[in-house]
């Protein structure tokens, strides 16, 4: 199995300093002898921020739309091509300030169905002065979007603190903590942070856990888009008869963070698994797992299946991919034990 490429999402409202952080992160990885790549999203037809990225850094531009709505469906293909064509060591997804992180998180996990990657962090850059202004003068859609971006962060950077007084800073930090009580928070000028943090996050086994003080739904739009699902977990899949293939024992230990909230666990299988055992496992999922999806190969069928799960309903659709795709399942929820889930999924590969 190929090593999964770590992905970091850079979030934050317009003008907060995301591109400044991106430029510093790129320089950091290049100094370490690694190859970073960038997927940059702009609402307009011209990517002005992308002009600040050096020419030797592989970059994909997604223009005239927001990743989390009009062009989200292209995100998986763009990430796949970026990995296939450039073989990067790390990818940064910088999204427009109008984007909602939970939808981008969904888009990245969609991409993990096409190629080996793992979301390692959602870093939200908060403009201290801008947030203070909204706290004092305004609510509205802009303020709600800023709140969503803060809620969904796994890392918080409170930037431009030189533009507010020391007396105002505690109020800003308190407002942020009311939205996200657990994500590490760093106050900065021009996004000057210790970027070795990114490598530490990448060294952790398993995918990101997005800390949030609210509920999963409060991080943004409803994120259960899929086709019709059957109601009976014991339904048939129209499986074809196929030879049973042996499995090897593998260690797929998941990362576990002490303050997880909105969590994503991505599990790559090294071989086909038994369909009935997988269905039984899904039927036992705790209610805290509210979304799952994947591309799966079973021992009792020759064709791969697209798997969808939401609202305790599951659906399997036979597919015929034109190229090699991972054998993978992605689980999204709140406060569930990734270690237990990883162990149960690994056990499916060990059963003959």
C-alpha atoms as a PDB file:
ATOM      1  CA  UNK A   1       0.000   0.000   0.000  1.00  0.00           C
ATOM      2  CA  UNK A   2       1.384   3.417  -0.977  1.00  0.00           C
ATOM      3  CA  UNK A   3       2.116   5.889   1.793  1.00  0.00           C
ATOM      4  CA  UNK A   4      -0.778   8.303   2.233  1.00  0.00           C
ATOM      5  CA  UNK A   5       0.056  11.932   1.426  1.00  0.00           C
ATOM      6  CA  UNK A   6      -0.696  14.273   4.359  1.00  0.00           C
ATOM      7  CA  UNK A   7      -3.123  17.121   3.615  1.00  0.00           C
ATOM      8  CA  UNK A   8      -3.560  20.345   5.577  1.00  0.00           C
ATOM      9  CA  UNK A   9      -6.569  22.629   5.025  1.00  0.00           C
ATOM     10  CA  UNK A  10      -5.924  26.348   5.501  1.00  0.00           C
ATOM     11  CA  UNK A  11      -9.132  28.112   6.458  1.00  0.00           C
ATOM     12  CA  UNK A  12     -10.026  31.614   7.563  1.00  0.00           C
ATOM     13  CA  UNK A  13     -11.983  34.626   6.429  1.00  0.00           C
ATOM     14  CA  UNK A  14     -10.893  36.915   3.611  1.00  0.00           C
ATOM     15  CA  UNK A  15      -7.698  38.787   4.418  1.00  0.00           C
ATOM     16  CA  UNK A  16      -6.939  36.871   7.597  1.00  0.00           C
ATOM     17  CA  UNK A  17      -3.437  35.835   6.522  1.00  0.00           C
ATOM     18  CA  UNK A  18      -3.871  32.346   5.025  1.00  0.00           C
ATOM     19  CA  UNK A  19      -1.576  33.003   2.060  1.00  0.00           C
ATOM     20  CA  UNK A  20       1.110  34.407   4.375  1.00  0.00           C
ATOM     21  CA  UNK A  21       0.950  31.188   6.393  1.00  0.00           C
ATOM     22  CA  UNK A  22       1.018  29.123   3.197  1.00  0.00           C
ATOM     23  CA  UNK A  23       4.144  30.882   1.918  1.00  0.00           C
ATOM     24  CA  UNK A  24       5.932  30.264   5.215  1.00  0.00           C
ATOM     25  CA  UNK A  25       4.883  26.597   5.259  1.00  0.00           C
ATOM     26  CA  UNK A  26       6.129  26.090   1.697  1.00  0.00           C
ATOM     27  CA  UNK A  27       9.508  27.619   2.576  1.00  0.00           C
ATOM     28  CA  UNK A  28       9.725  25.426   5.683  1.00  0.00           C
ATOM     29  CA  UNK A  29       9.168  22.186   3.784  1.00  0.00           C
ATOM     30  CA  UNK A  30      11.535  23.171   0.973  1.00  0.00           C
ATOM     31  CA  UNK A  31      14.260  23.885   3.530  1.00  0.00           C
ATOM     32  CA  UNK A  32      13.629  20.384   4.916  1.00  0.00           C
ATOM     33  CA  UNK A  33      14.245  18.957   1.448  1.00  0.00           C
ATOM     34  CA  UNK A  34      10.600  18.000   0.960  1.00  0.00           C
ATOM     35  CA  UNK A  35       8.253  18.682  -1.926  1.00  0.00           C
ATOM     36  CA  UNK A  36       5.078  20.599  -0.988  1.00  0.00           C
ATOM     37  CA  UNK A  37       2.147  21.033  -3.358  1.00  0.00           C
ATOM     38  CA  UNK A  38      -0.787  23.431  -3.255  1.00  0.00           C
ATOM     39  CA  UNK A  39      -4.440  23.364  -4.237  1.00  0.00           C
ATOM     40  CA  UNK A  40      -5.687  26.936  -4.204  1.00  0.00           C
ATOM     41  CA  UNK A  41      -9.291  28.069  -4.530  1.00  0.00           C
ATOM     42  CA  UNK A  42     -10.510  31.542  -5.498  1.00  0.00           C
ATOM     43  CA  UNK A  43     -14.010  32.857  -6.111  1.00  0.00           C
ATOM     44  CA  UNK A  44     -12.860  34.978  -9.054  1.00  0.00           C
ATOM     45  CA  UNK A  45     -11.461  34.049 -12.443  1.00  0.00           C
ATOM     46  CA  UNK A  46      -7.886  35.033 -11.580  1.00  0.00           C
ATOM     47  CA  UNK A  47      -5.847  33.489  -8.763  1.00  0.00           C
ATOM     48  CA  UNK A  48      -3.960  36.507  -7.463  1.00  0.00           C
ATOM     49  CA  UNK A  49      -2.783  34.762  -4.293  1.00  0.00           C
ATOM     50  CA  UNK A  50      -1.408  31.940  -6.417  1.00  0.00           C
ATOM     51  CA  UNK A  51       0.998  34.381  -8.023  1.00  0.00           C
ATOM     52  CA  UNK A  52       2.788  34.541  -4.670  1.00  0.00           C
ATOM     53  CA  UNK A  53       3.619  30.821  -4.838  1.00  0.00           C
ATOM     54  CA  UNK A  54       6.992  30.095  -6.426  1.00  0.00           C
ATOM     55  CA  UNK A  55       7.006  28.435  -9.837  1.00  0.00           C
ATOM     56  CA  UNK A  56       8.805  25.290  -8.620  1.00  0.00           C
ATOM     57  CA  UNK A  57       5.908  24.416  -6.282  1.00  0.00           C
ATOM     58  CA  UNK A  58       3.262  22.206  -7.962  1.00  0.00           C
ATOM     59  CA  UNK A  59      -0.059  24.036  -7.753  1.00  0.00           C
ATOM     60  CA  UNK A  60      -3.591  23.386  -8.928  1.00  0.00           C
ATOM     61  CA  UNK A  61      -6.024  26.300  -9.182  1.00  0.00           C
ATOM     62  CA  UNK A  62      -9.789  25.989  -8.779  1.00  0.00           C
ATOM     63  CA  UNK A  63     -11.328  29.286  -9.836  1.00  0.00           C
ATOM     64  CA  UNK A  64     -14.783  30.868 -10.165  1.00  0.00           C
ATOM     65  CA  UNK A  65     -16.318  28.921  -7.334  1.00  0.00           C
ATOM     66  CA  UNK A  66     -16.025  27.815  -3.740  1.00  0.00           C
ATOM     67  CA  UNK A  67     -14.662  24.340  -2.997  1.00  0.00           C
ATOM     68  CA  UNK A  68     -17.478  23.739  -0.540  1.00  0.00           C
ATOM     69  CA  UNK A  69     -20.285  24.330  -3.040  1.00  0.00           C
ATOM     70  CA  UNK A  70     -20.096  24.871  -6.803  1.00  0.00           C
ATOM     71  CA  UNK A  71     -16.853  23.035  -7.559  1.00  0.00           C
ATOM     72  CA  UNK A  72     -16.502  20.649  -4.624  1.00  0.00           C
ATOM     73  CA  UNK A  73     -17.154  17.705  -6.911  1.00  0.00           C
ATOM     74  CA  UNK A  74     -13.886  18.461  -8.741  1.00  0.00           C
ATOM     75  CA  UNK A  75     -11.783  18.534  -5.583  1.00  0.00           C
ATOM     76  CA  UNK A  76     -11.152  14.795  -5.444  1.00  0.00           C
ATOM     77  CA  UNK A  77     -10.034  14.639  -9.067  1.00  0.00           C
ATOM     78  CA  UNK A  78      -7.774  17.655  -8.655  1.00  0.00           C
ATOM     79  CA  UNK A  79      -6.102  16.182  -5.564  1.00  0.00           C
ATOM     80  CA  UNK A  80      -5.694  12.826  -7.285  1.00  0.00           C
ATOM     81  CA  UNK A  81      -4.041  14.435 -10.309  1.00  0.00           C
ATOM     82  CA  UNK A  82      -1.847  16.615  -8.114  1.00  0.00           C
ATOM     83  CA  UNK A  83      -0.518  13.513  -6.349  1.00  0.00           C
ATOM     84  CA  UNK A  84      -0.237  11.388  -9.479  1.00  0.00           C
ATOM     85  CA  UNK A  85       1.565  14.041 -11.533  1.00  0.00           C
ATOM     86  CA  UNK A  86       3.878  15.489  -8.864  1.00  0.00           C
ATOM     87  CA  UNK A  87       4.385  12.901  -6.092  1.00  0.00           C
ATOM     88  CA  UNK A  88       4.376  15.553  -3.306  1.00  0.00           C
ATOM     89  CA  UNK A  89       5.363  14.946   0.305  1.00  0.00           C
ATOM     90  CA  UNK A  90       2.553  17.186   1.601  1.00  0.00           C
ATOM     91  CA  UNK A  91      -0.413  19.108   0.179  1.00  0.00           C
ATOM     92  CA  UNK A  92      -1.881  22.381   1.384  1.00  0.00           C
ATOM     93  CA  UNK A  93      -5.459  23.208   0.426  1.00  0.00           C
ATOM     94  CA  UNK A  94      -5.957  26.958   0.720  1.00  0.00           C
ATOM     95  CA  UNK A  95      -9.619  27.767   0.265  1.00  0.00           C
ATOM     96  CA  UNK A  96     -11.395  31.022  -0.350  1.00  0.00           C
ATOM     97  CA  UNK A  97     -12.407  32.920   2.764  1.00  0.00           C
ATOM     98  CA  UNK A  98     -16.043  32.239   1.875  1.00  0.00           C
ATOM     99  CA  UNK A  99     -15.582  28.477   2.252  1.00  0.00           C
ATOM    100  CA  UNK A 100     -16.982  26.395   5.089  1.00  0.00           C
ATOM    101  CA  UNK A 101     -14.360  23.953   6.453  1.00  0.00           C
ATOM    102  CA  UNK A 102     -16.691  21.047   7.190  1.00  0.00           C
ATOM    103  CA  UNK A 103     -17.652  20.839   3.528  1.00  0.00           C
ATOM    104  CA  UNK A 104     -14.020  20.987   2.474  1.00  0.00           C
ATOM    105  CA  UNK A 105     -13.277  18.244   4.989  1.00  0.00           C
ATOM    106  CA  UNK A 106     -15.970  16.193   3.241  1.00  0.00           C
ATOM    107  CA  UNK A 107     -14.379  16.965  -0.120  1.00  0.00           C
ATOM    108  CA  UNK A 108     -10.933  15.826   1.034  1.00  0.00           C
ATOM    109  CA  UNK A 109     -12.338  12.601   2.429  1.00  0.00           C
ATOM    110  CA  UNK A 110     -14.096  12.100  -0.902  1.00  0.00           C
ATOM    111  CA  UNK A 111     -10.670  12.417  -2.500  1.00  0.00           C
ATOM    112  CA  UNK A 112      -9.325   9.634  -0.284  1.00  0.00           C
ATOM    113  CA  UNK A 113     -11.580   7.300  -2.248  1.00  0.00           C
ATOM    114  CA  UNK A 114      -9.539   8.097  -5.362  1.00  0.00           C
ATOM    115  CA  UNK A 115      -5.990   8.187  -4.041  1.00  0.00           C
ATOM    116  CA  UNK A 116      -3.989   7.595  -0.879  1.00  0.00           C
ATOM    117  CA  UNK A 117      -4.130  10.726   1.241  1.00  0.00           C
ATOM    118  CA  UNK A 118      -4.920  11.666   4.835  1.00  0.00           C
ATOM    119  CA  UNK A 119      -6.280  14.915   6.181  1.00  0.00           C
ATOM    120  CA  UNK A 120      -3.969  15.914   9.017  1.00  0.00           C
ATOM    121  CA  UNK A 121      -5.239  19.322  10.118  1.00  0.00           C
ATOM    122  CA  UNK A 122      -7.771  22.091   9.593  1.00  0.00           C
ATOM    123  CA  UNK A 123      -5.903  25.295  10.419  1.00  0.00           C
ATOM    124  CA  UNK A 124      -8.098  28.375  10.812  1.00  0.00           C
ATOM    125  CA  UNK A 125      -6.456  31.794  10.694  1.00  0.00           C
ATOM    126  CA  UNK A 126      -8.494  34.385  12.602  1.00  0.00           C
ATOM    127  CA  UNK A 127      -8.041  38.094  11.922  1.00  0.00           C
ATOM    128  CA  UNK A 128      -8.112  39.464  15.479  1.00  0.00           C
ATOM    129  CA  UNK A 129      -9.235  42.969  14.501  1.00  0.00           C
ATOM    130  CA  UNK A 130     -11.871  41.705  12.098  1.00  0.00           C
ATOM    131  CA  UNK A 131     -13.336  39.318  14.662  1.00  0.00           C
ATOM    132  CA  UNK A 132     -13.401  42.069  17.280  1.00  0.00           C
ATOM    133  CA  UNK A 133     -15.284  44.337  14.892  1.00  0.00           C
ATOM    134  CA  UNK A 134     -17.921  41.656  14.293  1.00  0.00           C
ATOM    135  CA  UNK A 135     -18.235  41.019  18.018  1.00  0.00           C
ATOM    136  CA  UNK A 136     -18.935  44.705  18.587  1.00  0.00           C
ATOM    137  CA  UNK A 137     -20.964  45.701  15.549  1.00  0.00           C
ATOM    138  CA  UNK A 138     -22.323  42.885  13.491  1.00  0.00           C
ATOM    139  CA  UNK A 139     -23.821  39.473  13.227  1.00  0.00           C
ATOM    140  CA  UNK A 140     -25.088  38.325   9.849  1.00  0.00           C
ATOM    141  CA  UNK A 141     -23.782  35.710   7.444  1.00  0.00           C
ATOM    142  CA  UNK A 142     -20.173  36.859   7.541  1.00  0.00           C
ATOM    143  CA  UNK A 143     -19.990  36.525  11.301  1.00  0.00           C
ATOM    144  CA  UNK A 144     -21.686  33.110  11.207  1.00  0.00           C
ATOM    145  CA  UNK A 145     -19.179  31.912   8.627  1.00  0.00           C
ATOM    146  CA  UNK A 146     -16.285  33.091  10.790  1.00  0.00           C
ATOM    147  CA  UNK A 147     -17.814  31.199  13.712  1.00  0.00           C
ATOM    148  CA  UNK A 148     -18.074  28.020  11.616  1.00  0.00           C
ATOM    149  CA  UNK A 149     -14.455  28.341  10.548  1.00  0.00           C
ATOM    150  CA  UNK A 150     -13.400  28.650  14.186  1.00  0.00           C
ATOM    151  CA  UNK A 151     -15.593  25.761  15.341  1.00  0.00           C
ATOM    152  CA  UNK A 152     -14.162  23.327  12.816  1.00  0.00           C
ATOM    153  CA  UNK A 153     -10.477  24.053  13.393  1.00  0.00           C
ATOM    154  CA  UNK A 154      -7.984  21.578  14.773  1.00  0.00           C
ATOM    155  CA  UNK A 155      -5.434  24.398  15.043  1.00  0.00           C
ATOM    156  CA  UNK A 156      -6.242  28.092  15.610  1.00  0.00           C
ATOM    157  CA  UNK A 157      -3.999  31.013  14.695  1.00  0.00           C
ATOM    158  CA  UNK A 158      -5.158  34.387  16.049  1.00  0.00           C
ATOM    159  CA  UNK A 159      -3.348  36.673  13.631  1.00  0.00           C
ATOM    160  CA  UNK A 160      -2.719  40.438  13.457  1.00  0.00           C
ATOM    161  CA  UNK A 161      -2.721  40.878  17.218  1.00  0.00           C
ATOM    162  CA  UNK A 162      -0.637  44.014  16.671  1.00  0.00           C
ATOM    163  CA  UNK A 163      -3.810  45.653  15.336  1.00  0.00           C
ATOM    164  CA  UNK A 164      -5.714  45.282  18.614  1.00  0.00           C
ATOM    165  CA  UNK A 165      -4.843  46.525  22.069  1.00  0.00           C
ATOM    166  CA  UNK A 166      -3.570  44.150  24.779  1.00  0.00           C
ATOM    167  CA  UNK A 167      -6.763  44.915  26.709  1.00  0.00           C
ATOM    168  CA  UNK A 168      -8.934  43.654  23.818  1.00  0.00           C
ATOM    169  CA  UNK A 169      -7.046  40.421  23.205  1.00  0.00           C
ATOM    170  CA  UNK A 170      -8.540  38.463  26.164  1.00  0.00           C
ATOM    171  CA  UNK A 171     -12.035  39.265  24.898  1.00  0.00           C
ATOM    172  CA  UNK A 172     -11.129  37.929  21.456  1.00  0.00           C
ATOM    173  CA  UNK A 173      -9.615  34.761  22.894  1.00  0.00           C
ATOM    174  CA  UNK A 174     -12.655  34.242  25.132  1.00  0.00           C
ATOM    175  CA  UNK A 175     -15.011  34.564  22.163  1.00  0.00           C
ATOM    176  CA  UNK A 176     -12.949  31.997  20.254  1.00  0.00           C
ATOM    177  CA  UNK A 177     -12.935  29.592  23.194  1.00  0.00           C
ATOM    178  CA  UNK A 178     -16.725  29.790  23.427  1.00  0.00           C
ATOM    179  CA  UNK A 179     -16.818  28.435  19.868  1.00  0.00           C
ATOM    180  CA  UNK A 180     -13.908  25.994  20.094  1.00  0.00           C
ATOM    181  CA  UNK A 181     -12.738  25.050  23.550  1.00  0.00           C
ATOM    182  CA  UNK A 182     -10.093  22.514  22.615  1.00  0.00           C
ATOM    183  CA  UNK A 183      -8.086  23.363  19.493  1.00  0.00           C
ATOM    184  CA  UNK A 184      -4.589  24.668  20.292  1.00  0.00           C
ATOM    185  CA  UNK A 185      -4.554  28.466  19.842  1.00  0.00           C
ATOM    186  CA  UNK A 186      -1.556  30.649  18.989  1.00  0.00           C
ATOM    187  CA  UNK A 187      -1.557  34.472  18.870  1.00  0.00           C
ATOM    188  CA  UNK A 188       0.634  35.812  16.050  1.00  0.00           C
ATOM    189  CA  UNK A 189       1.799  38.736  13.973  1.00  0.00           C
ATOM    190  CA  UNK A 190       2.038  37.836  10.271  1.00  0.00           C
ATOM    191  CA  UNK A 191       1.299  34.178  11.107  1.00  0.00           C
ATOM    192  CA  UNK A 192       4.718  33.566  12.657  1.00  0.00           C
ATOM    193  CA  UNK A 193       4.331  30.098  14.196  1.00  0.00           C
ATOM    194  CA  UNK A 194       6.513  27.070  14.854  1.00  0.00           C
ATOM    195  CA  UNK A 195       5.891  25.113  11.645  1.00  0.00           C
ATOM    196  CA  UNK A 196       7.441  21.929  13.030  1.00  0.00           C
ATOM    197  CA  UNK A 197       3.928  21.437  14.397  1.00  0.00           C
ATOM    198  CA  UNK A 198       2.852  20.314  10.916  1.00  0.00           C
ATOM    199  CA  UNK A 199       5.402  17.518  10.829  1.00  0.00           C
ATOM    200  CA  UNK A 200       4.356  16.402  14.295  1.00  0.00           C
ATOM    201  CA  UNK A 201       0.749  16.170  13.106  1.00  0.00           C
ATOM    202  CA  UNK A 202       1.840  14.177  10.062  1.00  0.00           C
ATOM    203  CA  UNK A 203       3.759  11.691  12.205  1.00  0.00           C
ATOM    204  CA  UNK A 204       0.583  10.734  14.044  1.00  0.00           C
ATOM    205  CA  UNK A 205      -1.024   7.580  12.710  1.00  0.00           C
ATOM    206  CA  UNK A 206      -4.544   8.005  11.335  1.00  0.00           C
ATOM    207  CA  UNK A 207      -6.501  10.940   9.994  1.00  0.00           C
ATOM    208  CA  UNK A 208      -7.489  14.229  11.546  1.00  0.00           C
ATOM    209  CA  UNK A 209      -9.865  14.800  14.402  1.00  0.00           C
ATOM    210  CA  UNK A 210     -11.489  18.190  13.981  1.00  0.00           C
ATOM    211  CA  UNK A 211     -12.021  19.734  17.392  1.00  0.00           C
ATOM    212  CA  UNK A 212     -15.201  21.721  17.836  1.00  0.00           C
ATOM    213  CA  UNK A 213     -17.150  23.127  20.748  1.00  0.00           C
ATOM    214  CA  UNK A 214     -20.486  22.692  19.017  1.00  0.00           C
ATOM    215  CA  UNK A 215     -22.167  19.732  17.402  1.00  0.00           C
ATOM    216  CA  UNK A 216     -21.080  18.224  14.092  1.00  0.00           C
ATOM    217  CA  UNK A 217     -23.957  19.902  12.325  1.00  0.00           C
ATOM    218  CA  UNK A 218     -23.023  23.268  13.785  1.00  0.00           C
ATOM    219  CA  UNK A 219     -19.761  23.247  11.845  1.00  0.00           C
ATOM    220  CA  UNK A 220     -21.598  24.043   8.653  1.00  0.00           C
ATOM    221  CA  UNK A 221     -24.097  22.754   6.160  1.00  0.00           C
ATOM    222  CA  UNK A 222     -25.675  19.357   6.332  1.00  0.00           C
ATOM    223  CA  UNK A 223     -23.065  16.943   5.101  1.00  0.00           C
ATOM    224  CA  UNK A 224     -24.979  13.822   4.142  1.00  0.00           C
ATOM    225  CA  UNK A 225     -25.157  14.043   0.390  1.00  0.00           C
ATOM    226  CA  UNK A 226     -25.634  10.675  -1.249  1.00  0.00           C
ATOM    227  CA  UNK A 227     -28.073   8.620  -3.217  1.00  0.00           C
ATOM    228  CA  UNK A 228     -31.016   6.690  -1.865  1.00  0.00           C
ATOM    229  CA  UNK A 229     -30.092   4.255   0.863  1.00  0.00           C
ATOM    230  CA  UNK A 230     -31.720   0.975   1.754  1.00  0.00           C
ATOM    231  CA  UNK A 231     -33.197   0.589   5.212  1.00  0.00           C
ATOM    232  CA  UNK A 232     -32.233  -3.026   5.815  1.00  0.00           C
ATOM    233  CA  UNK A 233     -28.610  -3.700   6.763  1.00  0.00           C
ATOM    234  CA  UNK A 234     -29.084  -7.308   5.698  1.00  0.00           C
ATOM    235  CA  UNK A 235     -29.939  -6.419   2.092  1.00  0.00           C
ATOM    236  CA  UNK A 236     -28.193  -8.178  -0.765  1.00  0.00           C
ATOM    237  CA  UNK A 237     -25.652  -6.541  -3.054  1.00  0.00           C
ATOM    238  CA  UNK A 238     -26.191  -8.580  -6.164  1.00  0.00           C
ATOM    239  CA  UNK A 239     -22.742 -10.023  -5.474  1.00  0.00           C
ATOM    240  CA  UNK A 240     -21.137 -12.214  -8.061  1.00  0.00           C
ATOM    241  CA  UNK A 241     -19.596 -15.476  -7.065  1.00  0.00           C
ATOM    242  CA  UNK A 242     -15.851 -15.107  -6.678  1.00  0.00           C
ATOM    243  CA  UNK A 243     -12.864 -16.845  -5.206  1.00  0.00           C
ATOM    244  CA  UNK A 244     -12.001 -16.119  -1.597  1.00  0.00           C
ATOM    245  CA  UNK A 245      -8.671 -14.420  -1.259  1.00  0.00           C
ATOM    246  CA  UNK A 246      -6.402 -14.699   1.760  1.00  0.00           C
ATOM    247  CA  UNK A 247      -5.504 -11.817   4.051  1.00  0.00           C
ATOM    248  CA  UNK A 248      -2.403 -10.773   5.870  1.00  0.00           C
ATOM    249  CA  UNK A 249      -2.216  -9.289   9.336  1.00  0.00           C
ATOM    250  CA  UNK A 250      -1.700  -5.520   9.282  1.00  0.00           C
ATOM    251  CA  UNK A 251      -1.348  -2.818  11.892  1.00  0.00           C
ATOM    252  CA  UNK A 252      -3.780   0.023  11.198  1.00  0.00           C
ATOM    253  CA  UNK A 253      -3.596   1.710  14.592  1.00  0.00           C
ATOM    254  CA  UNK A 254      -5.577   4.951  14.649  1.00  0.00           C
ATOM    255  CA  UNK A 255      -4.512   8.154  16.291  1.00  0.00           C
ATOM    256  CA  UNK A 256      -6.413   9.145  19.412  1.00  0.00           C
ATOM    257  CA  UNK A 257      -6.660  12.713  20.619  1.00  0.00           C
ATOM    258  CA  UNK A 258      -7.861  13.547  24.104  1.00  0.00           C
ATOM    259  CA  UNK A 259     -10.378  16.203  23.042  1.00  0.00           C
ATOM    260  CA  UNK A 260     -11.808  14.872  19.799  1.00  0.00           C
ATOM    261  CA  UNK A 261     -15.093  16.205  18.525  1.00  0.00           C
ATOM    262  CA  UNK A 262     -15.800  16.111  14.808  1.00  0.00           C
ATOM    263  CA  UNK A 263     -13.616  13.193  13.825  1.00  0.00           C
ATOM    264  CA  UNK A 264     -12.533  11.549  10.599  1.00  0.00           C
ATOM    265  CA  UNK A 265     -10.977   8.101  10.413  1.00  0.00           C
ATOM    266  CA  UNK A 266      -9.710   6.816   7.052  1.00  0.00           C
ATOM    267  CA  UNK A 267      -8.883   3.114   6.773  1.00  0.00           C
ATOM    268  CA  UNK A 268      -7.090   1.652   3.762  1.00  0.00           C
ATOM    269  CA  UNK A 269      -7.493  -2.099   3.269  1.00  0.00           C
ATOM    270  CA  UNK A 270      -4.686  -4.117   1.694  1.00  0.00           C
ATOM    271  CA  UNK A 271      -7.065  -6.712   0.268  1.00  0.00           C
ATOM    272  CA  UNK A 272     -10.702  -7.704  -0.170  1.00  0.00           C
ATOM    273  CA  UNK A 273     -12.872  -8.333   2.884  1.00  0.00           C
ATOM    274  CA  UNK A 274     -15.959 -10.398   3.623  1.00  0.00           C
ATOM    275  CA  UNK A 275     -19.104  -8.438   2.746  1.00  0.00           C
ATOM    276  CA  UNK A 276     -21.333  -9.915   5.459  1.00  0.00           C
ATOM    277  CA  UNK A 277     -18.744  -9.253   8.160  1.00  0.00           C
ATOM    278  CA  UNK A 278     -18.354  -5.674   6.968  1.00  0.00           C
ATOM    279  CA  UNK A 279     -22.132  -5.150   6.965  1.00  0.00           C
ATOM    280  CA  UNK A 280     -22.322  -6.554  10.475  1.00  0.00           C
ATOM    281  CA  UNK A 281     -19.602  -4.153  11.588  1.00  0.00           C
ATOM    282  CA  UNK A 282     -21.436  -1.186  10.068  1.00  0.00           C
ATOM    283  CA  UNK A 283     -24.646  -2.331  11.744  1.00  0.00           C
ATOM    284  CA  UNK A 284     -22.835  -2.140  15.097  1.00  0.00           C
ATOM    285  CA  UNK A 285     -21.464   1.359  14.572  1.00  0.00           C
ATOM    286  CA  UNK A 286     -22.240   3.667  17.487  1.00  0.00           C
ATOM    287  CA  UNK A 287     -24.658   6.520  16.887  1.00  0.00           C
ATOM    288  CA  UNK A 288     -21.710   8.899  17.182  1.00  0.00           C
ATOM    289  CA  UNK A 289     -20.633   7.769  13.697  1.00  0.00           C
ATOM    290  CA  UNK A 290     -23.104   9.594  11.496  1.00  0.00           C
ATOM    291  CA  UNK A 291     -21.434   9.341   8.092  1.00  0.00           C
ATOM    292  CA  UNK A 292     -19.296   6.785   6.276  1.00  0.00           C
ATOM    293  CA  UNK A 293     -18.310   6.110   2.694  1.00  0.00           C
ATOM    294  CA  UNK A 294     -15.807   4.094   0.765  1.00  0.00           C
ATOM    295  CA  UNK A 295     -14.803   1.983  -2.196  1.00  0.00           C
ATOM    296  CA  UNK A 296     -14.648  -1.649  -1.156  1.00  0.00           C
ATOM    297  CA  UNK A 297     -13.639  -4.965  -2.673  1.00  0.00           C
ATOM    298  CA  UNK A 298     -15.247  -8.073  -1.258  1.00  0.00           C
ATOM    299  CA  UNK A 299     -14.081 -11.665  -1.271  1.00  0.00           C
ATOM    300  CA  UNK A 300     -17.398 -12.888  -2.709  1.00  0.00           C
ATOM    301  CA  UNK A 301     -17.640 -10.598  -5.730  1.00  0.00           C
ATOM    302  CA  UNK A 302     -15.386  -9.583  -8.598  1.00  0.00           C
ATOM    303  CA  UNK A 303     -16.589  -5.970  -8.779  1.00  0.00           C
ATOM    304  CA  UNK A 304     -15.765  -3.145  -6.365  1.00  0.00           C
ATOM    305  CA  UNK A 305     -18.618  -1.328  -4.626  1.00  0.00           C
ATOM    306  CA  UNK A 306     -19.213   2.298  -3.689  1.00  0.00           C
ATOM    307  CA  UNK A 307     -20.342   2.277  -0.064  1.00  0.00           C
ATOM    308  CA  UNK A 308     -22.443   5.010   1.578  1.00  0.00           C
ATOM    309  CA  UNK A 309     -23.770   5.221   5.132  1.00  0.00           C
ATOM    310  CA  UNK A 310     -25.810   7.958   6.813  1.00  0.00           C
ATOM    311  CA  UNK A 311     -28.653   8.155   9.334  1.00  0.00           C
ATOM    312  CA  UNK A 312     -28.008   4.487  10.186  1.00  0.00           C
ATOM    313  CA  UNK A 313     -28.786   3.418   6.625  1.00  0.00           C
ATOM    314  CA  UNK A 314     -26.295   1.863   4.258  1.00  0.00           C
ATOM    315  CA  UNK A 315     -26.108   1.514   0.506  1.00  0.00           C
ATOM    316  CA  UNK A 316     -23.798  -0.385  -1.840  1.00  0.00           C
ATOM    317  CA  UNK A 317     -23.566   0.339  -5.565  1.00  0.00           C
ATOM    318  CA  UNK A 318     -21.494  -1.774  -7.920  1.00  0.00           C
ATOM    319  CA  UNK A 319     -18.992   0.323  -9.867  1.00  0.00           C
ATOM    320  CA  UNK A 320     -16.562  -0.225 -12.716  1.00  0.00           C
ATOM    321  CA  UNK A 321     -13.694   2.252 -12.222  1.00  0.00           C
ATOM    322  CA  UNK A 322     -11.585   2.928 -15.286  1.00  0.00           C
ATOM    323  CA  UNK A 323      -8.395   3.015 -13.260  1.00  0.00           C
ATOM    324  CA  UNK A 324      -6.995   1.663 -10.015  1.00  0.00           C
ATOM    325  CA  UNK A 325      -8.682   3.112  -6.905  1.00  0.00           C
ATOM    326  CA  UNK A 326      -7.925   2.463  -3.222  1.00  0.00           C
ATOM    327  CA  UNK A 327      -9.760  -0.110  -1.141  1.00  0.00           C
ATOM    328  CA  UNK A 328     -10.826   2.328   1.562  1.00  0.00           C
ATOM    329  CA  UNK A 329     -13.509   3.265   4.087  1.00  0.00           C
ATOM    330  CA  UNK A 330     -13.939   6.705   5.673  1.00  0.00           C
ATOM    331  CA  UNK A 331     -15.877   7.306   8.898  1.00  0.00           C
ATOM    332  CA  UNK A 332     -17.026  10.714  10.181  1.00  0.00           C
ATOM    333  CA  UNK A 333     -18.628  11.401  13.549  1.00  0.00           C
ATOM    334  CA  UNK A 334     -18.179  12.708  17.065  1.00  0.00           C
ATOM    335  CA  UNK A 335     -16.375  11.301  20.101  1.00  0.00           C
ATOM    336  CA  UNK A 336     -16.172   7.735  18.783  1.00  0.00           C
ATOM    337  CA  UNK A 337     -13.207   5.480  19.542  1.00  0.00           C
ATOM    338  CA  UNK A 338     -11.017   5.423  16.471  1.00  0.00           C
ATOM    339  CA  UNK A 339      -8.776   2.832  18.099  1.00  0.00           C
ATOM    340  CA  UNK A 340     -11.655   0.398  18.524  1.00  0.00           C
ATOM    341  CA  UNK A 341     -12.931   1.006  15.000  1.00  0.00           C
ATOM    342  CA  UNK A 342      -9.448   0.583  13.524  1.00  0.00           C
ATOM    343  CA  UNK A 343      -9.021  -2.689  15.406  1.00  0.00           C
ATOM    344  CA  UNK A 344     -12.343  -4.061  14.163  1.00  0.00           C
ATOM    345  CA  UNK A 345     -11.590  -3.070  10.569  1.00  0.00           C
ATOM    346  CA  UNK A 346      -8.128  -4.625  10.727  1.00  0.00           C
ATOM    347  CA  UNK A 347      -9.687  -7.811  12.089  1.00  0.00           C
ATOM    348  CA  UNK A 348     -11.754  -8.118   8.879  1.00  0.00           C
ATOM    349  CA  UNK A 349      -8.520  -8.546   6.930  1.00  0.00           C
ATOM    350  CA  UNK A 350      -7.233 -11.209   9.259  1.00  0.00           C
ATOM    351  CA  UNK A 351     -10.242 -13.501   8.944  1.00  0.00           C
ATOM    352  CA  UNK A 352     -10.058 -16.314   6.441  1.00  0.00           C
END
